[in-house]
Structure formats: structure tokens, C-alpha cells
Amino acid sequence: MESLIIIGFLISIIVILKIIFRINIKKAKSIQDNKELEKITDRFPENIEIVKDILKMLDNENVKIEEEKDTKTSLYIAISNKIIIADMKNNYARIQTIAHECAHSIQDKRILLANFIISNICILYYFIMLVLTICKVITNPLLHIIIFMLFLCIKLVIRTYLETEAMTKSRYISEKYIDMKNVCEEKEKEELLTKYDEINKMGIPFMIDSLVTSRIIWYFIVCNYNIFYIK
């Protein structure tokens, strides 16, 4: 009975968040392609050159840069101070995506390091508890579930802060970069920035919902699939 109550409570949280944030996956997919804006961004340099230009603009040129053709996800790795750029050919949002990762590279290093450490603690704690449960060492699973939940909450707060700040800054970094390159008309620039604003308006709530939902699912697995329970 307790498990059913927990399941119902967690599902309710996920549904309420999607209603509050007005999460619409179909609408999000509809703004991914825009041929007219792609023609504008095609005038800008290749992705690696954009990264170098923006990092120089941010006075942060010591970051390693790597482009991977076999991935669709760009990211900044704080522990190695590296930006990995995905294959974003014909993507009108590539300037803002690159600006987002560059924005991560100038964030507070303590917060970035804390995010890395807490993330790995969550993974390590999960598997240690799993092994100890299998070995019948754990006799009070509730305590470990609470500790695990606290780690997840801390990680959620840190990650949400980092992503929200980077997404907010990326729009203004993009505008400054577009002005600096001067390869499009003012009207074209405004069309790009308007679409970037639309992406952020939809993307920030989507990101928060995604982070919260993933943590709830992880917590749900721990609580309801007997990972920490002694049989």
C-alpha cells in the first residue's frame, strides 16, 4: 500500500509540473527546423571557429575544443575544461548552442566542480548501496533512501542554477557575436534573436521539468524496486 501511495504521489508531481510549465513536446519539435534562418546562419564560420571567436570575446581562450560528428549533444566538461561540439550542420540555433557551452566555461568553478562531485557521489552511493543490500549488510533502508534523496535534491538545485544561467547568458552572447561578425542585416539579426528568445522561453521550463522528472524517476526506482530493501 505504501508503495502505491509513493507511486501516485511521484506521478502527480510529474503531471503537475508539466501543467505548470506548459510542456509541449510537439511544439518544441516544431521550432527545431527553419530553412530561412538556416540560410542566415550558413554565412557564419564553422562551429569550431565560432567557439574560438566567442571564447576570445569572453576572454577565456584556455578552453580545449573538440568537435564530434557522431553525437547530437554539445557539452562543457568542467573537470577537463573542454567544450565538445556536436554535429550541428544546418542548425540555425548553433550559434546560441555554442554560446551556451561557452557560457558554462566562465561560470563559477566551485559550482561547476560541486556539480561534478555531487553527480558522481549519487552514482557511487547508488551502486554501493546496491552491493551492500545484496550482501545483506544494510538492515535499515529508509535512512539510505533519505540520504540518497538529499544528494539528488542538492544536485537538482546546482544543475538547475547552472543551466538556467547559461541559457540566459547565451542569448546575449549570441547577439554580441552576431554584431561582431556583421554578416547579416539588422532585420535578419532580429529574426534570429527572436527565435532564440522563443527557444529560451520554452527551453528553460522544459529543462527544469526534465531535470526534476529524471530525479523523481531515479528516486522512484530506489524506493519501489527493492534496491535498498532487505528481503
C-alpha atoms as a PDB file:
ATOM      1  CA  MET A   1       0.000   0.000   0.000  1.00  0.00           C
ATOM      2  CA  GLU A   2       2.805   2.397   0.894  1.00  0.00           C
ATOM      3  CA  SER A   3       4.442   1.761  -2.482  1.00  0.00           C
ATOM      4  CA  LEU A   4       1.216   2.627  -4.311  1.00  0.00           C
ATOM      5  CA  ILE A   5       0.928   5.890  -2.371  1.00  0.00           C
ATOM      6  CA  ILE A   6       4.542   6.817  -3.232  1.00  0.00           C
ATOM      7  CA  ILE A   7       3.981   5.940  -6.906  1.00  0.00           C
ATOM      8  CA  GLY A   8       0.813   8.035  -7.041  1.00  0.00           C
ATOM      9  CA  PHE A   9       2.490  10.977  -5.295  1.00  0.00           C
ATOM     10  CA  LEU A  10       5.512  10.964  -7.630  1.00  0.00           C
ATOM     11  CA  ILE A  11       3.372  10.669 -10.759  1.00  0.00           C
ATOM     12  CA  SER A  12       1.238  13.563  -9.510  1.00  0.00           C
ATOM     13  CA  ILE A  13       4.321  15.767  -9.127  1.00  0.00           C
ATOM     14  CA  ILE A  14       5.432  14.989 -12.691  1.00  0.00           C
ATOM     15  CA  VAL A  15       1.960  15.750 -14.112  1.00  0.00           C
ATOM     16  CA  ILE A  16       1.581  18.981 -12.095  1.00  0.00           C
ATOM     17  CA  LEU A  17       4.999  20.235 -13.254  1.00  0.00           C
ATOM     18  CA  LYS A  18       4.124  19.601 -16.901  1.00  0.00           C
ATOM     19  CA  ILE A  19       0.860  21.506 -16.474  1.00  0.00           C
ATOM     20  CA  ILE A  20       2.518  24.433 -14.650  1.00  0.00           C
ATOM     21  CA  PHE A  21       5.371  24.731 -17.156  1.00  0.00           C
ATOM     22  CA  ARG A  22       3.073  24.017 -20.143  1.00  0.00           C
ATOM     23  CA  ILE A  23       5.412  21.375 -21.513  1.00  0.00           C
ATOM     24  CA  ASN A  24       4.543  20.742 -25.150  1.00  0.00           C
ATOM     25  CA  ILE A  25       6.964  18.350 -26.861  1.00  0.00           C
ATOM     26  CA  LYS A  26       5.161  18.677 -30.206  1.00  0.00           C
ATOM     27  CA  LYS A  27       5.544  22.466 -30.151  1.00  0.00           C
ATOM     28  CA  ALA A  28       9.192  22.156 -29.115  1.00  0.00           C
ATOM     29  CA  LYS A  29       9.908  19.919 -32.100  1.00  0.00           C
ATOM     30  CA  SER A  30       8.118  22.336 -34.437  1.00  0.00           C
ATOM     31  CA  ILE A  31      10.685  25.117 -33.842  1.00  0.00           C
ATOM     32  CA  GLN A  32      13.715  22.910 -34.474  1.00  0.00           C
ATOM     33  CA  ASP A  33      13.740  23.478 -38.239  1.00  0.00           C
ATOM     34  CA  ASN A  34      13.681  26.804 -40.042  1.00  0.00           C
ATOM     35  CA  LYS A  35      15.128  26.869 -43.546  1.00  0.00           C
ATOM     36  CA  GLU A  36      15.150  30.653 -43.823  1.00  0.00           C
ATOM     37  CA  LEU A  37      17.138  31.077 -40.608  1.00  0.00           C
ATOM     38  CA  GLU A  38      19.485  28.263 -41.662  1.00  0.00           C
ATOM     39  CA  LYS A  39      20.392  30.293 -44.747  1.00  0.00           C
ATOM     40  CA  ILE A  40      21.336  33.197 -42.469  1.00  0.00           C
ATOM     41  CA  THR A  41      23.491  31.117 -40.105  1.00  0.00           C
ATOM     42  CA  ASP A  42      25.194  29.418 -43.072  1.00  0.00           C
ATOM     43  CA  ARG A  43      27.053  32.704 -43.596  1.00  0.00           C
ATOM     44  CA  PHE A  44      28.762  32.351 -40.260  1.00  0.00           C
ATOM     45  CA  PRO A  45      32.010  30.370 -39.793  1.00  0.00           C
ATOM     46  CA  GLU A  46      32.254  26.674 -38.975  1.00  0.00           C
ATOM     47  CA  ASN A  47      31.367  25.570 -35.445  1.00  0.00           C
ATOM     48  CA  ILE A  48      34.954  25.344 -34.182  1.00  0.00           C
ATOM     49  CA  GLU A  49      35.675  28.872 -35.376  1.00  0.00           C
ATOM     50  CA  ILE A  50      32.552  30.159 -33.659  1.00  0.00           C
ATOM     51  CA  VAL A  51      33.681  28.571 -30.391  1.00  0.00           C
ATOM     52  CA  LYS A  52      37.124  30.154 -30.690  1.00  0.00           C
ATOM     53  CA  ASP A  53      35.657  33.568 -31.523  1.00  0.00           C
ATOM     54  CA  ILE A  54      33.216  33.514 -28.604  1.00  0.00           C
ATOM     55  CA  LEU A  55      35.811  32.287 -26.127  1.00  0.00           C
ATOM     56  CA  LYS A  56      38.116  35.068 -27.257  1.00  0.00           C
ATOM     57  CA  MET A  57      35.262  37.520 -26.874  1.00  0.00           C
ATOM     58  CA  LEU A  58      34.751  36.218 -23.312  1.00  0.00           C
ATOM     59  CA  ASP A  59      38.496  36.424 -22.612  1.00  0.00           C
ATOM     60  CA  ASN A  60      38.610  32.689 -21.882  1.00  0.00           C
ATOM     61  CA  GLU A  61      40.825  31.146 -24.560  1.00  0.00           C
ATOM     62  CA  ASN A  62      42.375  28.384 -22.436  1.00  0.00           C
ATOM     63  CA  VAL A  63      39.422  26.041 -23.020  1.00  0.00           C
ATOM     64  CA  LYS A  64      40.029  22.871 -25.063  1.00  0.00           C
ATOM     65  CA  ILE A  65      37.714  22.449 -28.058  1.00  0.00           C
ATOM     66  CA  GLU A  66      36.646  19.217 -29.720  1.00  0.00           C
ATOM     67  CA  GLU A  67      34.056  18.540 -32.414  1.00  0.00           C
ATOM     68  CA  GLU A  68      32.374  15.141 -32.591  1.00  0.00           C
ATOM     69  CA  LYS A  69      30.425  14.195 -35.688  1.00  0.00           C
ATOM     70  CA  ASP A  70      28.778  11.136 -34.110  1.00  0.00           C
ATOM     71  CA  THR A  71      26.889  12.949 -31.352  1.00  0.00           C
ATOM     72  CA  LYS A  72      23.945  15.339 -31.245  1.00  0.00           C
ATOM     73  CA  THR A  73      24.741  16.757 -27.801  1.00  0.00           C
ATOM     74  CA  SER A  74      27.135  19.609 -27.158  1.00  0.00           C
ATOM     75  CA  LEU A  75      28.540  19.982 -23.650  1.00  0.00           C
ATOM     76  CA  TYR A  76      31.149  21.625 -21.472  1.00  0.00           C
ATOM     77  CA  ILE A  77      33.205  19.284 -19.272  1.00  0.00           C
ATOM     78  CA  ALA A  78      34.323  21.294 -16.262  1.00  0.00           C
ATOM     79  CA  ILE A  79      36.820  18.794 -14.878  1.00  0.00           C
ATOM     80  CA  SER A  80      38.868  18.842 -18.108  1.00  0.00           C
ATOM     81  CA  ASN A  81      37.887  22.385 -19.160  1.00  0.00           C
ATOM     82  CA  LYS A  82      36.759  21.146 -22.562  1.00  0.00           C
ATOM     83  CA  ILE A  83      33.895  22.048 -24.888  1.00  0.00           C
ATOM     84  CA  ILE A  84      32.603  19.250 -27.095  1.00  0.00           C
ATOM     85  CA  ILE A  85      30.617  20.476 -30.091  1.00  0.00           C
ATOM     86  CA  ALA A  86      28.088  18.173 -31.698  1.00  0.00           C
ATOM     87  CA  ASP A  87      27.374  17.864 -35.410  1.00  0.00           C
ATOM     88  CA  MET A  88      25.089  20.870 -35.890  1.00  0.00           C
ATOM     89  CA  LYS A  89      25.244  21.388 -39.622  1.00  0.00           C
ATOM     90  CA  ASN A  90      22.159  23.182 -40.964  1.00  0.00           C
ATOM     91  CA  ASN A  91      21.043  24.080 -37.439  1.00  0.00           C
ATOM     92  CA  TYR A  92      20.009  27.728 -37.162  1.00  0.00           C
ATOM     93  CA  ALA A  93      20.359  27.544 -33.340  1.00  0.00           C
ATOM     94  CA  ARG A  94      24.008  26.514 -33.486  1.00  0.00           C
ATOM     95  CA  ILE A  95      25.269  29.983 -32.529  1.00  0.00           C
ATOM     96  CA  GLN A  96      23.188  30.045 -29.358  1.00  0.00           C
ATOM     97  CA  THR A  97      24.022  26.404 -28.572  1.00  0.00           C
ATOM     98  CA  ILE A  98      27.740  27.162 -28.823  1.00  0.00           C
ATOM     99  CA  ALA A  99      27.259  30.349 -26.792  1.00  0.00           C
ATOM    100  CA  HIS A 100      25.522  28.237 -24.127  1.00  0.00           C
ATOM    101  CA  GLU A 101      28.516  25.916 -23.739  1.00  0.00           C
ATOM    102  CA  CYS A 102      30.915  28.863 -23.752  1.00  0.00           C
ATOM    103  CA  ALA A 103      28.800  30.448 -21.010  1.00  0.00           C
ATOM    104  CA  HIS A 104      29.301  27.303 -18.926  1.00  0.00           C
ATOM    105  CA  SER A 105      33.066  27.713 -19.277  1.00  0.00           C
ATOM    106  CA  ILE A 106      33.024  31.083 -17.480  1.00  0.00           C
ATOM    107  CA  GLN A 107      30.738  30.042 -14.632  1.00  0.00           C
ATOM    108  CA  ASP A 108      31.932  29.833 -11.027  1.00  0.00           C
ATOM    109  CA  LYS A 109      34.422  26.944 -10.935  1.00  0.00           C
ATOM    110  CA  ARG A 110      33.388  25.971  -7.408  1.00  0.00           C
ATOM    111  CA  ILE A 111      29.797  25.455  -8.514  1.00  0.00           C
ATOM    112  CA  LEU A 112      30.868  23.540 -11.613  1.00  0.00           C
ATOM    113  CA  LEU A 113      33.132  21.324  -9.520  1.00  0.00           C
ATOM    114  CA  ALA A 114      30.366  20.811  -6.939  1.00  0.00           C
ATOM    115  CA  ASN A 115      28.026  19.674  -9.710  1.00  0.00           C
ATOM    116  CA  PHE A 116      30.632  17.170 -10.936  1.00  0.00           C
ATOM    117  CA  ILE A 117      31.352  15.842  -7.441  1.00  0.00           C
ATOM    118  CA  ILE A 118      27.704  15.523  -6.359  1.00  0.00           C
ATOM    119  CA  SER A 119      26.795  13.795  -9.642  1.00  0.00           C
ATOM    120  CA  ASN A 120      29.462  11.181  -9.098  1.00  0.00           C
ATOM    121  CA  ILE A 121      28.580  10.781  -5.426  1.00  0.00           C
ATOM    122  CA  CYS A 122      24.984   9.990  -6.431  1.00  0.00           C
ATOM    123  CA  ILE A 123      26.128   7.303  -8.866  1.00  0.00           C
ATOM    124  CA  LEU A 124      28.688   5.859  -6.432  1.00  0.00           C
ATOM    125  CA  TYR A 125      26.269   5.895  -3.475  1.00  0.00           C
ATOM    126  CA  TYR A 126      23.637   4.145  -5.576  1.00  0.00           C
ATOM    127  CA  PHE A 127      25.881   1.249  -6.514  1.00  0.00           C
ATOM    128  CA  ILE A 128      27.465   0.926  -3.067  1.00  0.00           C
ATOM    129  CA  MET A 129      24.013   0.617  -1.504  1.00  0.00           C
ATOM    130  CA  LEU A 130      23.046  -1.919  -4.144  1.00  0.00           C
ATOM    131  CA  VAL A 131      26.078  -4.092  -3.348  1.00  0.00           C
ATOM    132  CA  LEU A 132      25.579  -3.760   0.419  1.00  0.00           C
ATOM    133  CA  THR A 133      21.928  -4.718   0.041  1.00  0.00           C
ATOM    134  CA  ILE A 134      22.795  -7.810  -1.985  1.00  0.00           C
ATOM    135  CA  CYS A 135      25.352  -8.737   0.673  1.00  0.00           C
ATOM    136  CA  LYS A 136      22.687  -8.287   3.416  1.00  0.00           C
ATOM    137  CA  VAL A 137      24.743  -5.608   5.162  1.00  0.00           C
ATOM    138  CA  ILE A 138      22.034  -2.933   5.104  1.00  0.00           C
ATOM    139  CA  THR A 139      19.276  -3.519   7.633  1.00  0.00           C
ATOM    140  CA  ASN A 140      17.670  -0.051   7.650  1.00  0.00           C
ATOM    141  CA  PRO A 141      16.981   1.012   4.042  1.00  0.00           C
ATOM    142  CA  LEU A 142      14.934   4.094   4.974  1.00  0.00           C
ATOM    143  CA  LEU A 143      17.982   6.018   6.226  1.00  0.00           C
ATOM    144  CA  HIS A 144      19.881   5.387   2.988  1.00  0.00           C
ATOM    145  CA  ILE A 145      16.878   6.338   0.870  1.00  0.00           C
ATOM    146  CA  ILE A 146      16.662   9.680   2.692  1.00  0.00           C
ATOM    147  CA  ILE A 147      20.403  10.321   2.255  1.00  0.00           C
ATOM    148  CA  PHE A 148      20.160   9.449  -1.429  1.00  0.00           C
ATOM    149  CA  MET A 149      17.179  11.781  -1.841  1.00  0.00           C
ATOM    150  CA  LEU A 150      19.134  14.643  -0.243  1.00  0.00           C
ATOM    151  CA  PHE A 151      22.007  14.130  -2.687  1.00  0.00           C
ATOM    152  CA  LEU A 152      19.535  14.186  -5.590  1.00  0.00           C
ATOM    153  CA  CYS A 153      17.959  17.421  -4.298  1.00  0.00           C
ATOM    154  CA  ILE A 154      21.360  19.124  -3.968  1.00  0.00           C
ATOM    155  CA  LYS A 155      22.316  18.024  -7.477  1.00  0.00           C
ATOM    156  CA  LEU A 156      18.993  19.273  -8.845  1.00  0.00           C
ATOM    157  CA  VAL A 157      19.451  22.737  -7.322  1.00  0.00           C
ATOM    158  CA  ILE A 158      23.033  23.099  -8.572  1.00  0.00           C
ATOM    159  CA  ARG A 159      22.325  21.787 -12.076  1.00  0.00           C
ATOM    160  CA  THR A 160      19.201  23.941 -12.455  1.00  0.00           C
ATOM    161  CA  TYR A 161      21.153  27.047 -11.489  1.00  0.00           C
ATOM    162  CA  LEU A 162      23.988  26.286 -13.921  1.00  0.00           C
ATOM    163  CA  GLU A 163      21.704  25.529 -16.856  1.00  0.00           C
ATOM    164  CA  THR A 164      19.368  28.482 -16.272  1.00  0.00           C
ATOM    165  CA  GLU A 165      22.263  30.933 -16.027  1.00  0.00           C
ATOM    166  CA  ALA A 166      23.940  29.544 -19.161  1.00  0.00           C
ATOM    167  CA  MET A 167      20.720  29.622 -21.171  1.00  0.00           C
ATOM    168  CA  THR A 168      20.011  33.198 -20.127  1.00  0.00           C
ATOM    169  CA  LYS A 169      23.541  34.420 -20.915  1.00  0.00           C
ATOM    170  CA  SER A 170      23.731  32.563 -24.217  1.00  0.00           C
ATOM    171  CA  ARG A 171      21.168  34.838 -25.845  1.00  0.00           C
ATOM    172  CA  TYR A 172      23.174  37.994 -25.110  1.00  0.00           C
ATOM    173  CA  ILE A 173      26.458  36.345 -26.017  1.00  0.00           C
ATOM    174  CA  SER A 174      24.888  35.325 -29.342  1.00  0.00           C
ATOM    175  CA  GLU A 175      23.747  38.893 -30.015  1.00  0.00           C
ATOM    176  CA  LYS A 176      27.209  40.269 -29.300  1.00  0.00           C
ATOM    177  CA  TYR A 177      28.804  37.640 -31.560  1.00  0.00           C
ATOM    178  CA  ILE A 178      26.357  38.309 -34.425  1.00  0.00           C
ATOM    179  CA  ASP A 179      27.086  42.037 -34.177  1.00  0.00           C
ATOM    180  CA  MET A 180      30.815  41.350 -34.165  1.00  0.00           C
ATOM    181  CA  LYS A 181      30.744  39.211 -37.342  1.00  0.00           C
ATOM    182  CA  ASN A 182      28.458  41.635 -39.229  1.00  0.00           C
ATOM    183  CA  VAL A 183      27.441  39.117 -41.909  1.00  0.00           C
ATOM    184  CA  CYS A 184      23.686  39.660 -41.785  1.00  0.00           C
ATOM    185  CA  GLU A 185      21.307  42.566 -41.976  1.00  0.00           C
ATOM    186  CA  GLU A 186      19.634  44.083 -38.917  1.00  0.00           C
ATOM    187  CA  LYS A 187      16.286  42.525 -39.828  1.00  0.00           C
ATOM    188  CA  GLU A 188      17.873  39.089 -40.194  1.00  0.00           C
ATOM    189  CA  LYS A 189      19.640  39.502 -36.860  1.00  0.00           C
ATOM    190  CA  GLU A 190      16.352  40.361 -35.152  1.00  0.00           C
ATOM    191  CA  GLU A 191      14.687  37.314 -36.716  1.00  0.00           C
ATOM    192  CA  LEU A 192      17.436  35.094 -35.327  1.00  0.00           C
ATOM    193  CA  LEU A 193      17.339  36.659 -31.859  1.00  0.00           C
ATOM    194  CA  THR A 194      13.551  36.492 -31.728  1.00  0.00           C
ATOM    195  CA  LYS A 195      13.730  32.778 -32.403  1.00  0.00           C
ATOM    196  CA  TYR A 196      16.498  32.382 -29.800  1.00  0.00           C
ATOM    197  CA  ASP A 197      14.259  34.135 -27.269  1.00  0.00           C
ATOM    198  CA  GLU A 198      11.481  31.714 -28.171  1.00  0.00           C
ATOM    199  CA  ILE A 199      13.823  28.753 -27.674  1.00  0.00           C
ATOM    200  CA  ASN A 200      14.831  30.026 -24.232  1.00  0.00           C
ATOM    201  CA  LYS A 201      11.248  30.796 -23.212  1.00  0.00           C
ATOM    202  CA  MET A 202      10.317  27.226 -23.995  1.00  0.00           C
ATOM    203  CA  GLY A 203      13.664  25.620 -23.175  1.00  0.00           C
ATOM    204  CA  ILE A 204      14.194  26.818 -19.592  1.00  0.00           C
ATOM    205  CA  PRO A 205      10.895  25.377 -18.237  1.00  0.00           C
ATOM    206  CA  PHE A 206      11.479  22.258 -20.368  1.00  0.00           C
ATOM    207  CA  MET A 207      14.962  21.862 -18.860  1.00  0.00           C
ATOM    208  CA  ILE A 208      13.696  22.272 -15.277  1.00  0.00           C
ATOM    209  CA  ASP A 209      10.867  19.788 -15.876  1.00  0.00           C
ATOM    210  CA  SER A 210      13.294  17.302 -17.432  1.00  0.00           C
ATOM    211  CA  LEU A 211      15.749  17.544 -14.516  1.00  0.00           C
ATOM    212  CA  VAL A 212      13.035  17.188 -11.868  1.00  0.00           C
ATOM    213  CA  THR A 213      11.346  14.306 -13.705  1.00  0.00           C
ATOM    214  CA  SER A 214      14.610  12.376 -14.111  1.00  0.00           C
ATOM    215  CA  ARG A 215      15.371  12.745 -10.377  1.00  0.00           C
ATOM    216  CA  ILE A 216      11.867  11.618  -9.453  1.00  0.00           C
ATOM    217  CA  ILE A 217      12.204   8.558 -11.675  1.00  0.00           C
ATOM    218  CA  TRP A 218      15.577   7.744 -10.120  1.00  0.00           C
ATOM    219  CA  TYR A 219      14.117   8.122  -6.620  1.00  0.00           C
ATOM    220  CA  PHE A 220      11.107   6.071  -7.684  1.00  0.00           C
ATOM    221  CA  ILE A 221      13.386   3.214  -8.781  1.00  0.00           C
ATOM    222  CA  VAL A 222      15.265   3.277  -5.484  1.00  0.00           C
ATOM    223  CA  CYS A 223      12.093   3.295  -3.391  1.00  0.00           C
ATOM    224  CA  ASN A 224       9.875   0.896  -5.301  1.00  0.00           C
ATOM    225  CA  TYR A 225      12.020  -1.753  -6.931  1.00  0.00           C
ATOM    226  CA  ASN A 226      13.503  -3.104  -3.719  1.00  0.00           C
ATOM    227  CA  ILE A 227      17.046  -1.896  -4.491  1.00  0.00           C
ATOM    228  CA  PHE A 228      17.556  -0.844  -0.880  1.00  0.00           C
ATOM    229  CA  TYR A 229      15.097  -3.212   0.753  1.00  0.00           C
ATOM    230  CA  ILE A 230      16.089  -6.294   2.661  1.00  0.00           C
ATOM    231  CA  LYS A 231      14.090  -9.335   1.775  1.00  0.00           C
END
